[in-house]
Amino acid sequence: TNVAWKMAMENQKTPTGLILSRQGIKDLPVKSGN
């Protein structure tokens, strides 16, 4: 979601839509530590 907002803010050519959940979601596993 942080990255999606980064993409939306940097996109100055076209509209952007963020499609977001109501319910909690388990964070995805980390491969690299970040």
ModelCIF file with pLDDT and N, C-alpha, C, O atoms, coordinates in Angstrom:
data_MODEL
#
_entry.id   MODEL 
#
_entity.id                         1 
_entity.type                       polymer 
_entity.pdbx_number_of_molecules   1 
#
_entity_poly.entity_id                      1 
_entity_poly.type                           'polypeptide(L)' 
_entity_poly.nstd_linkage                   no 
_entity_poly.nstd_monomer                   no 
_entity_poly.pdbx_seq_one_letter_code       TNVAWKMAMENQKTPTGLILSRQGIKDLPVKSGN 
_entity_poly.pdbx_seq_one_letter_code_can   TNVAWKMAMENQKTPTGLILSRQGIKDLPVKSGN 
_entity_poly.pdbx_strand_id                 A 
#
loop_
_entity_poly_seq.entity_id 
_entity_poly_seq.num 
_entity_poly_seq.mon_id 
_entity_poly_seq.hetero 
1 1  THR n 
1 2  ASN n 
1 3  VAL n 
1 4  ALA n 
1 5  TRP n 
1 6  LYS n 
1 7  MET n 
1 8  ALA n 
1 9  MET n 
1 10 GLU n 
1 11 ASN n 
1 12 GLN n 
1 13 LYS n 
1 14 THR n 
1 15 PRO n 
1 16 THR n 
1 17 GLY n 
1 18 LEU n 
1 19 ILE n 
1 20 LEU n 
1 21 SER n 
1 22 ARG n 
1 23 GLN n 
1 24 GLY n 
1 25 ILE n 
1 26 LYS n 
1 27 ASP n 
1 28 LEU n 
1 29 PRO n 
1 30 VAL n 
1 31 LYS n 
1 32 SER n 
1 33 GLY n 
1 34 ASN n 
#
_struct_asym.id          A 
_struct_asym.entity_id   1 
#
loop_
_ma_qa_metric.id 
_ma_qa_metric.mode 
_ma_qa_metric.name 
_ma_qa_metric.software_group_id 
_ma_qa_metric.type 
1 global pLDDT . pLDDT 
2 local  pLDDT . pLDDT 
#
_ma_qa_metric_global.metric_id      1 
_ma_qa_metric_global.metric_value   96.24 
_ma_qa_metric_global.model_id       1 
_ma_qa_metric_global.ordinal_id     1 
#
loop_
_ma_qa_metric_local.label_asym_id 
_ma_qa_metric_local.label_comp_id 
_ma_qa_metric_local.label_seq_id 
_ma_qa_metric_local.metric_id 
_ma_qa_metric_local.metric_value 
_ma_qa_metric_local.model_id 
_ma_qa_metric_local.ordinal_id 
A THR 1  2 98.00 1 1  
A ASN 2  2 98.00 1 2  
A VAL 3  2 98.00 1 3  
A ALA 4  2 98.00 1 4  
A TRP 5  2 98.00 1 5  
A LYS 6  2 98.00 1 6  
A MET 7  2 98.00 1 7  
A ALA 8  2 98.00 1 8  
A MET 9  2 98.00 1 9  
A GLU 10 2 98.00 1 10 
A ASN 11 2 98.00 1 11 
A GLN 12 2 97.00 1 12 
A LYS 13 2 97.00 1 13 
A THR 14 2 98.00 1 14 
A PRO 15 2 98.00 1 15 
A THR 16 2 98.00 1 16 
A GLY 17 2 98.00 1 17 
A LEU 18 2 98.00 1 18 
A ILE 19 2 98.00 1 19 
A LEU 20 2 98.00 1 20 
A SER 21 2 98.00 1 21 
A ARG 22 2 96.00 1 22 
A GLN 23 2 96.00 1 23 
A GLY 24 2 96.00 1 24 
A ILE 25 2 97.00 1 25 
A LYS 26 2 96.00 1 26 
A ASP 27 2 97.00 1 27 
A LEU 28 2 97.00 1 28 
A PRO 29 2 95.00 1 29 
A VAL 30 2 95.00 1 30 
A LYS 31 2 87.00 1 31 
A SER 32 2 85.00 1 32 
A GLY 33 2 86.00 1 33 
A ASN 34 2 93.00 1 34 
#
loop_
_atom_site.group_PDB 
_atom_site.id 
_atom_site.type_symbol 
_atom_site.label_atom_id 
_atom_site.label_alt_id 
_atom_site.label_comp_id 
_atom_site.label_asym_id 
_atom_site.label_entity_id 
_atom_site.label_seq_id 
_atom_site.pdbx_PDB_ins_code 
_atom_site.Cartn_x 
_atom_site.Cartn_y 
_atom_site.Cartn_z 
_atom_site.occupancy 
_atom_site.B_iso_or_equiv 
_atom_site.pdbx_formal_charge 
_atom_site.auth_seq_id 
_atom_site.auth_comp_id 
_atom_site.auth_asym_id 
_atom_site.auth_atom_id 
_atom_site.pdbx_PDB_model_num 
ATOM 1   N N  . THR A 1 1  ? 0.838   -1.198  0.000   1.00 98.00 ? 1  THR A N  1 
ATOM 2   C CA . THR A 1 1  ? 0.000   0.000   0.000   1.00 98.00 ? 1  THR A CA 1 
ATOM 3   C C  . THR A 1 1  ? 0.876   1.253   0.000   1.00 98.00 ? 1  THR A C  1 
ATOM 4   O O  . THR A 1 1  ? 0.585   2.216   -0.709  1.00 98.00 ? 1  THR A O  1 
ATOM 5   N N  . ASN A 1 2  ? 1.945   1.239   0.794   1.00 98.00 ? 2  ASN A N  1 
ATOM 6   C CA . ASN A 1 2  ? 2.902   2.353   0.753   1.00 98.00 ? 2  ASN A CA 1 
ATOM 7   C C  . ASN A 1 2  ? 3.423   2.569   -0.660  1.00 98.00 ? 2  ASN A C  1 
ATOM 8   O O  . ASN A 1 2  ? 3.493   3.697   -1.148  1.00 98.00 ? 2  ASN A O  1 
ATOM 9   N N  . VAL A 1 3  ? 3.788   1.466   -1.308  1.00 98.00 ? 3  VAL A N  1 
ATOM 10  C CA . VAL A 1 3  ? 4.334   1.551   -2.664  1.00 98.00 ? 3  VAL A CA 1 
ATOM 11  C C  . VAL A 1 3  ? 3.261   1.997   -3.655  1.00 98.00 ? 3  VAL A C  1 
ATOM 12  O O  . VAL A 1 3  ? 3.536   2.768   -4.574  1.00 98.00 ? 3  VAL A O  1 
ATOM 13  N N  . ALA A 1 4  ? 2.044   1.508   -3.462  1.00 98.00 ? 4  ALA A N  1 
ATOM 14  C CA . ALA A 1 4  ? 0.951   1.906   -4.353  1.00 98.00 ? 4  ALA A CA 1 
ATOM 15  C C  . ALA A 1 4  ? 0.732   3.414   -4.286  1.00 98.00 ? 4  ALA A C  1 
ATOM 16  O O  . ALA A 1 4  ? 0.523   4.064   -5.311  1.00 98.00 ? 4  ALA A O  1 
ATOM 17  N N  . TRP A 1 5  ? 0.781   3.966   -3.079  1.00 98.00 ? 5  TRP A N  1 
ATOM 18  C CA . TRP A 1 5  ? 0.644   5.421   -2.946  1.00 98.00 ? 5  TRP A CA 1 
ATOM 19  C C  . TRP A 1 5  ? 1.821   6.146   -3.593  1.00 98.00 ? 5  TRP A C  1 
ATOM 20  O O  . TRP A 1 5  ? 1.647   7.196   -4.212  1.00 98.00 ? 5  TRP A O  1 
ATOM 21  N N  . LYS A 1 6  ? 3.001   5.589   -3.448  1.00 98.00 ? 6  LYS A N  1 
ATOM 22  C CA . LYS A 1 6  ? 4.178   6.161   -4.128  1.00 98.00 ? 6  LYS A CA 1 
ATOM 23  C C  . LYS A 1 6  ? 3.940   6.213   -5.637  1.00 98.00 ? 6  LYS A C  1 
ATOM 24  O O  . LYS A 1 6  ? 4.212   7.225   -6.283  1.00 98.00 ? 6  LYS A O  1 
ATOM 25  N N  . MET A 1 7  ? 3.434   5.122   -6.186  1.00 98.00 ? 7  MET A N  1 
ATOM 26  C CA . MET A 1 7  ? 3.157   5.045   -7.619  1.00 98.00 ? 7  MET A CA 1 
ATOM 27  C C  . MET A 1 7  ? 2.084   6.044   -8.032  1.00 98.00 ? 7  MET A C  1 
ATOM 28  O O  . MET A 1 7  ? 2.197   6.706   -9.064  1.00 98.00 ? 7  MET A O  1 
ATOM 29  N N  . ALA A 1 8  ? 1.035   6.145   -7.205  1.00 98.00 ? 8  ALA A N  1 
ATOM 30  C CA . ALA A 1 8  ? -0.060  7.062   -7.528  1.00 98.00 ? 8  ALA A CA 1 
ATOM 31  C C  . ALA A 1 8  ? 0.424   8.508   -7.530  1.00 98.00 ? 8  ALA A C  1 
ATOM 32  O O  . ALA A 1 8  ? 0.085   9.276   -8.430  1.00 98.00 ? 8  ALA A O  1 
ATOM 33  N N  . MET A 1 9  ? 1.206   8.876   -6.538  1.00 98.00 ? 9  MET A N  1 
ATOM 34  C CA . MET A 1 9  ? 1.679   10.252  -6.442  1.00 98.00 ? 9  MET A CA 1 
ATOM 35  C C  . MET A 1 9  ? 2.645   10.594  -7.573  1.00 98.00 ? 9  MET A C  1 
ATOM 36  O O  . MET A 1 9  ? 2.668   11.726  -8.057  1.00 98.00 ? 9  MET A O  1 
ATOM 37  N N  . GLU A 1 10 ? 3.428   9.630   -7.983  1.00 98.00 ? 10 GLU A N  1 
ATOM 38  C CA . GLU A 1 10 ? 4.407   9.880   -9.043  1.00 98.00 ? 10 GLU A CA 1 
ATOM 39  C C  . GLU A 1 10 ? 3.796   9.813   -10.435 1.00 98.00 ? 10 GLU A C  1 
ATOM 40  O O  . GLU A 1 10 ? 4.403   10.279  -11.399 1.00 98.00 ? 10 GLU A O  1 
ATOM 41  N N  . ASN A 1 11 ? 2.601   9.238   -10.552 1.00 98.00 ? 11 ASN A N  1 
ATOM 42  C CA . ASN A 1 11 ? 1.937   9.146   -11.853 1.00 98.00 ? 11 ASN A CA 1 
ATOM 43  C C  . ASN A 1 11 ? 1.216   10.458  -12.143 1.00 98.00 ? 11 ASN A C  1 
ATOM 44  O O  . ASN A 1 11 ? 0.140   10.707  -11.600 1.00 98.00 ? 11 ASN A O  1 
ATOM 45  N N  . GLN A 1 12 ? 1.793   11.286  -12.984 1.00 97.00 ? 12 GLN A N  1 
ATOM 46  C CA . GLN A 1 12 ? 1.183   12.561  -13.344 1.00 97.00 ? 12 GLN A CA 1 
ATOM 47  C C  . GLN A 1 12 ? 0.657   12.557  -14.776 1.00 97.00 ? 12 GLN A C  1 
ATOM 48  O O  . GLN A 1 12 ? 0.334   13.607  -15.331 1.00 97.00 ? 12 GLN A O  1 
ATOM 49  N N  . LYS A 1 13 ? 0.574   11.367  -15.368 1.00 97.00 ? 13 LYS A N  1 
ATOM 50  C CA . LYS A 1 13 ? 0.099   11.250  -16.746 1.00 97.00 ? 13 LYS A CA 1 
ATOM 51  C C  . LYS A 1 13 ? -1.360  10.817  -16.839 1.00 97.00 ? 13 LYS A C  1 
ATOM 52  O O  . LYS A 1 13 ? -2.076  11.225  -17.753 1.00 97.00 ? 13 LYS A O  1 
ATOM 53  N N  . THR A 1 14 ? -1.795  9.990   -15.892 1.00 98.00 ? 14 THR A N  1 
ATOM 54  C CA . THR A 1 14 ? -3.120  9.374   -15.990 1.00 98.00 ? 14 THR A CA 1 
ATOM 55  C C  . THR A 1 14 ? -3.725  9.235   -14.597 1.00 98.00 ? 14 THR A C  1 
ATOM 56  O O  . THR A 1 14 ? -3.008  9.366   -13.605 1.00 98.00 ? 14 THR A O  1 
ATOM 57  N N  . PRO A 1 15 ? -5.022  8.974   -14.503 1.00 98.00 ? 15 PRO A N  1 
ATOM 58  C CA . PRO A 1 15 ? -5.617  8.678   -13.198 1.00 98.00 ? 15 PRO A CA 1 
ATOM 59  C C  . PRO A 1 15 ? -5.138  7.336   -12.651 1.00 98.00 ? 15 PRO A C  1 
ATOM 60  O O  . PRO A 1 15 ? -4.772  6.430   -13.400 1.00 98.00 ? 15 PRO A O  1 
ATOM 61  N N  . THR A 1 16 ? -5.152  7.237   -11.333 1.00 98.00 ? 16 THR A N  1 
ATOM 62  C CA . THR A 1 16 ? -4.751  6.016   -10.634 1.00 98.00 ? 16 THR A CA 1 
ATOM 63  C C  . THR A 1 16 ? -5.841  5.646   -9.641  1.00 98.00 ? 16 THR A C  1 
ATOM 64  O O  . THR A 1 16 ? -6.416  6.515   -8.987  1.00 98.00 ? 16 THR A O  1 
ATOM 65  N N  . GLY A 1 17 ? -6.123  4.351   -9.531  1.00 98.00 ? 17 GLY A N  1 
ATOM 66  C CA . GLY A 1 17 ? -7.078  3.868   -8.546  1.00 98.00 ? 17 GLY A CA 1 
ATOM 67  C C  . GLY A 1 17 ? -6.419  2.922   -7.562  1.00 98.00 ? 17 GLY A C  1 
ATOM 68  O O  . GLY A 1 17 ? -5.715  1.997   -7.967  1.00 98.00 ? 17 GLY A O  1 
ATOM 69  N N  . LEU A 1 18 ? -6.638  3.142   -6.277  1.00 98.00 ? 18 LEU A N  1 
ATOM 70  C CA . LEU A 1 18 ? -6.161  2.235   -5.236  1.00 98.00 ? 18 LEU A CA 1 
ATOM 71  C C  . LEU A 1 18 ? -7.359  1.463   -4.704  1.00 98.00 ? 18 LEU A C  1 
ATOM 72  O O  . LEU A 1 18 ? -8.336  2.053   -4.244  1.00 98.00 ? 18 LEU A O  1 
ATOM 73  N N  . ILE A 1 19 ? -7.274  0.141   -4.772  1.00 98.00 ? 19 ILE A N  1 
ATOM 74  C CA . ILE A 1 19 ? -8.380  -0.737  -4.398  1.00 98.00 ? 19 ILE A CA 1 
ATOM 75  C C  . ILE A 1 19 ? -7.982  -1.433  -3.101  1.00 98.00 ? 19 ILE A C  1 
ATOM 76  O O  . ILE A 1 19 ? -7.077  -2.267  -3.091  1.00 98.00 ? 19 ILE A O  1 
ATOM 77  N N  . LEU A 1 20 ? -8.664  -1.087  -2.001  1.00 98.00 ? 20 LEU A N  1 
ATOM 78  C CA . LEU A 1 20 ? -8.175  -1.417  -0.667  1.00 98.00 ? 20 LEU A CA 1 
ATOM 79  C C  . LEU A 1 20 ? -9.172  -2.241  0.140   1.00 98.00 ? 20 LEU A C  1 
ATOM 80  O O  . LEU A 1 20 ? -10.383 -2.165  -0.067  1.00 98.00 ? 20 LEU A O  1 
ATOM 81  N N  . SER A 1 21 ? -8.636  -3.024  1.055   1.00 98.00 ? 21 SER A N  1 
ATOM 82  C CA . SER A 1 21 ? -9.472  -3.959  1.821   1.00 98.00 ? 21 SER A CA 1 
ATOM 83  C C  . SER A 1 21 ? -10.091 -3.317  3.050   1.00 98.00 ? 21 SER A C  1 
ATOM 84  O O  . SER A 1 21 ? -9.548  -2.376  3.628   1.00 98.00 ? 21 SER A O  1 
ATOM 85  N N  . ARG A 1 22 ? -11.246 -3.855  3.431   1.00 96.00 ? 22 ARG A N  1 
ATOM 86  C CA . ARG A 1 22 ? -11.861 -3.480  4.708   1.00 96.00 ? 22 ARG A CA 1 
ATOM 87  C C  . ARG A 1 22 ? -11.240 -4.272  5.844   1.00 96.00 ? 22 ARG A C  1 
ATOM 88  O O  . ARG A 1 22 ? -10.981 -3.735  6.921   1.00 96.00 ? 22 ARG A O  1 
ATOM 89  N N  . GLN A 1 23 ? -11.000 -5.567  5.595   1.00 96.00 ? 23 GLN A N  1 
ATOM 90  C CA . GLN A 1 23 ? -10.556 -6.468  6.655   1.00 96.00 ? 23 GLN A CA 1 
ATOM 91  C C  . GLN A 1 23 ? -9.033  -6.492  6.743   1.00 96.00 ? 23 GLN A C  1 
ATOM 92  O O  . GLN A 1 23 ? -8.326  -6.136  5.800   1.00 96.00 ? 23 GLN A O  1 
ATOM 93  N N  . GLY A 1 24 ? -8.551  -6.925  7.915   1.00 96.00 ? 24 GLY A N  1 
ATOM 94  C CA . GLY A 1 24 ? -7.113  -7.076  8.091   1.00 96.00 ? 24 GLY A CA 1 
ATOM 95  C C  . GLY A 1 24 ? -6.545  -8.144  7.177   1.00 96.00 ? 24 GLY A C  1 
ATOM 96  O O  . GLY A 1 24 ? -7.218  -9.117  6.836   1.00 96.00 ? 24 GLY A O  1 
ATOM 97  N N  . ILE A 1 25 ? -5.289  -7.944  6.786   1.00 97.00 ? 25 ILE A N  1 
ATOM 98  C CA . ILE A 1 25 ? -4.599  -8.899  5.904   1.00 97.00 ? 25 ILE A CA 1 
ATOM 99  C C  . ILE A 1 25 ? -3.246  -9.228  6.534   1.00 97.00 ? 25 ILE A C  1 
ATOM 100 O O  . ILE A 1 25 ? -2.531  -8.328  6.973   1.00 97.00 ? 25 ILE A O  1 
ATOM 101 N N  . LYS A 1 26 ? -2.900  -10.491 6.581   1.00 96.00 ? 26 LYS A N  1 
ATOM 102 C CA . LYS A 1 26 ? -1.578  -10.873 7.086   1.00 96.00 ? 26 LYS A CA 1 
ATOM 103 C C  . LYS A 1 26 ? -0.499  -10.317 6.158   1.00 96.00 ? 26 LYS A C  1 
ATOM 104 O O  . LYS A 1 26 ? -0.597  -10.426 4.935   1.00 96.00 ? 26 LYS A O  1 
ATOM 105 N N  . ASP A 1 27 ? 0.525   -9.724  6.757   1.00 97.00 ? 27 ASP A N  1 
ATOM 106 C CA . ASP A 1 27 ? 1.630   -9.216  5.949   1.00 97.00 ? 27 ASP A CA 1 
ATOM 107 C C  . ASP A 1 27 ? 2.292   -10.368 5.206   1.00 97.00 ? 27 ASP A C  1 
ATOM 108 O O  . ASP A 1 27 ? 2.376   -11.487 5.714   1.00 97.00 ? 27 ASP A O  1 
ATOM 109 N N  . LEU A 1 28 ? 2.754   -10.081 4.010   1.00 97.00 ? 28 LEU A N  1 
ATOM 110 C CA . LEU A 1 28 ? 3.424   -11.116 3.222   1.00 97.00 ? 28 LEU A CA 1 
ATOM 111 C C  . LEU A 1 28 ? 4.802   -11.404 3.810   1.00 97.00 ? 28 LEU A C  1 
ATOM 112 O O  . LEU A 1 28 ? 5.429   -10.517 4.389   1.00 97.00 ? 28 LEU A O  1 
ATOM 113 N N  . PRO A 1 29 ? 5.273   -12.635 3.664   1.00 95.00 ? 29 PRO A N  1 
ATOM 114 C CA . PRO A 1 29 ? 6.588   -12.993 4.229   1.00 95.00 ? 29 PRO A CA 1 
ATOM 115 C C  . PRO A 1 29 ? 7.707   -12.184 3.577   1.00 95.00 ? 29 PRO A C  1 
ATOM 116 O O  . PRO A 1 29 ? 7.627   -11.797 2.412   1.00 95.00 ? 29 PRO A O  1 
ATOM 117 N N  . VAL A 1 30 ? 8.739   -11.947 4.360   1.00 95.00 ? 30 VAL A N  1 
ATOM 118 C CA . VAL A 1 30 ? 9.871   -11.148 3.886   1.00 95.00 ? 30 VAL A CA 1 
ATOM 119 C C  . VAL A 1 30 ? 10.995  -12.079 3.468   1.00 95.00 ? 30 VAL A C  1 
ATOM 120 O O  . VAL A 1 30 ? 11.376  -12.979 4.217   1.00 95.00 ? 30 VAL A O  1 
ATOM 121 N N  . LYS A 1 31 ? 11.523  -11.862 2.274   1.00 87.00 ? 31 LYS A N  1 
ATOM 122 C CA . LYS A 1 31 ? 12.635  -12.671 1.780   1.00 87.00 ? 31 LYS A CA 1 
ATOM 123 C C  . LYS A 1 31 ? 13.976  -12.070 2.186   1.00 87.00 ? 31 LYS A C  1 
ATOM 124 O O  . LYS A 1 31 ? 14.903  -12.794 2.549   1.00 87.00 ? 31 LYS A O  1 
ATOM 125 N N  . SER A 1 32 ? 14.075  -10.739 2.122   1.00 85.00 ? 32 SER A N  1 
ATOM 126 C CA . SER A 1 32 ? 15.368  -10.068 2.272   1.00 85.00 ? 32 SER A CA 1 
ATOM 127 C C  . SER A 1 32 ? 15.558  -9.392  3.613   1.00 85.00 ? 32 SER A C  1 
ATOM 128 O O  . SER A 1 32 ? 16.666  -8.973  3.947   1.00 85.00 ? 32 SER A O  1 
ATOM 129 N N  . GLY A 1 33 ? 14.499  -9.284  4.378   1.00 86.00 ? 33 GLY A N  1 
ATOM 130 C CA . GLY A 1 33 ? 14.597  -8.536  5.620   1.00 86.00 ? 33 GLY A CA 1 
ATOM 131 C C  . GLY A 1 33 ? 13.983  -7.158  5.532   1.00 86.00 ? 33 GLY A C  1 
ATOM 132 O O  . GLY A 1 33 ? 13.843  -6.476  6.547   1.00 86.00 ? 33 GLY A O  1 
ATOM 133 N N  . ASN A 1 34 ? 13.609  -6.729  4.313   1.00 93.00 ? 34 ASN A N  1 
ATOM 134 C CA . ASN A 1 34 ? 12.998  -5.403  4.139   1.00 93.00 ? 34 ASN A CA 1 
ATOM 135 C C  . ASN A 1 34 ? 11.783  -5.542  3.243   1.00 93.00 ? 34 ASN A C  1 
ATOM 136 O O  . ASN A 1 34 ? 11.110  -4.552  2.958   1.00 93.00 ? 34 ASN A O  1 
#
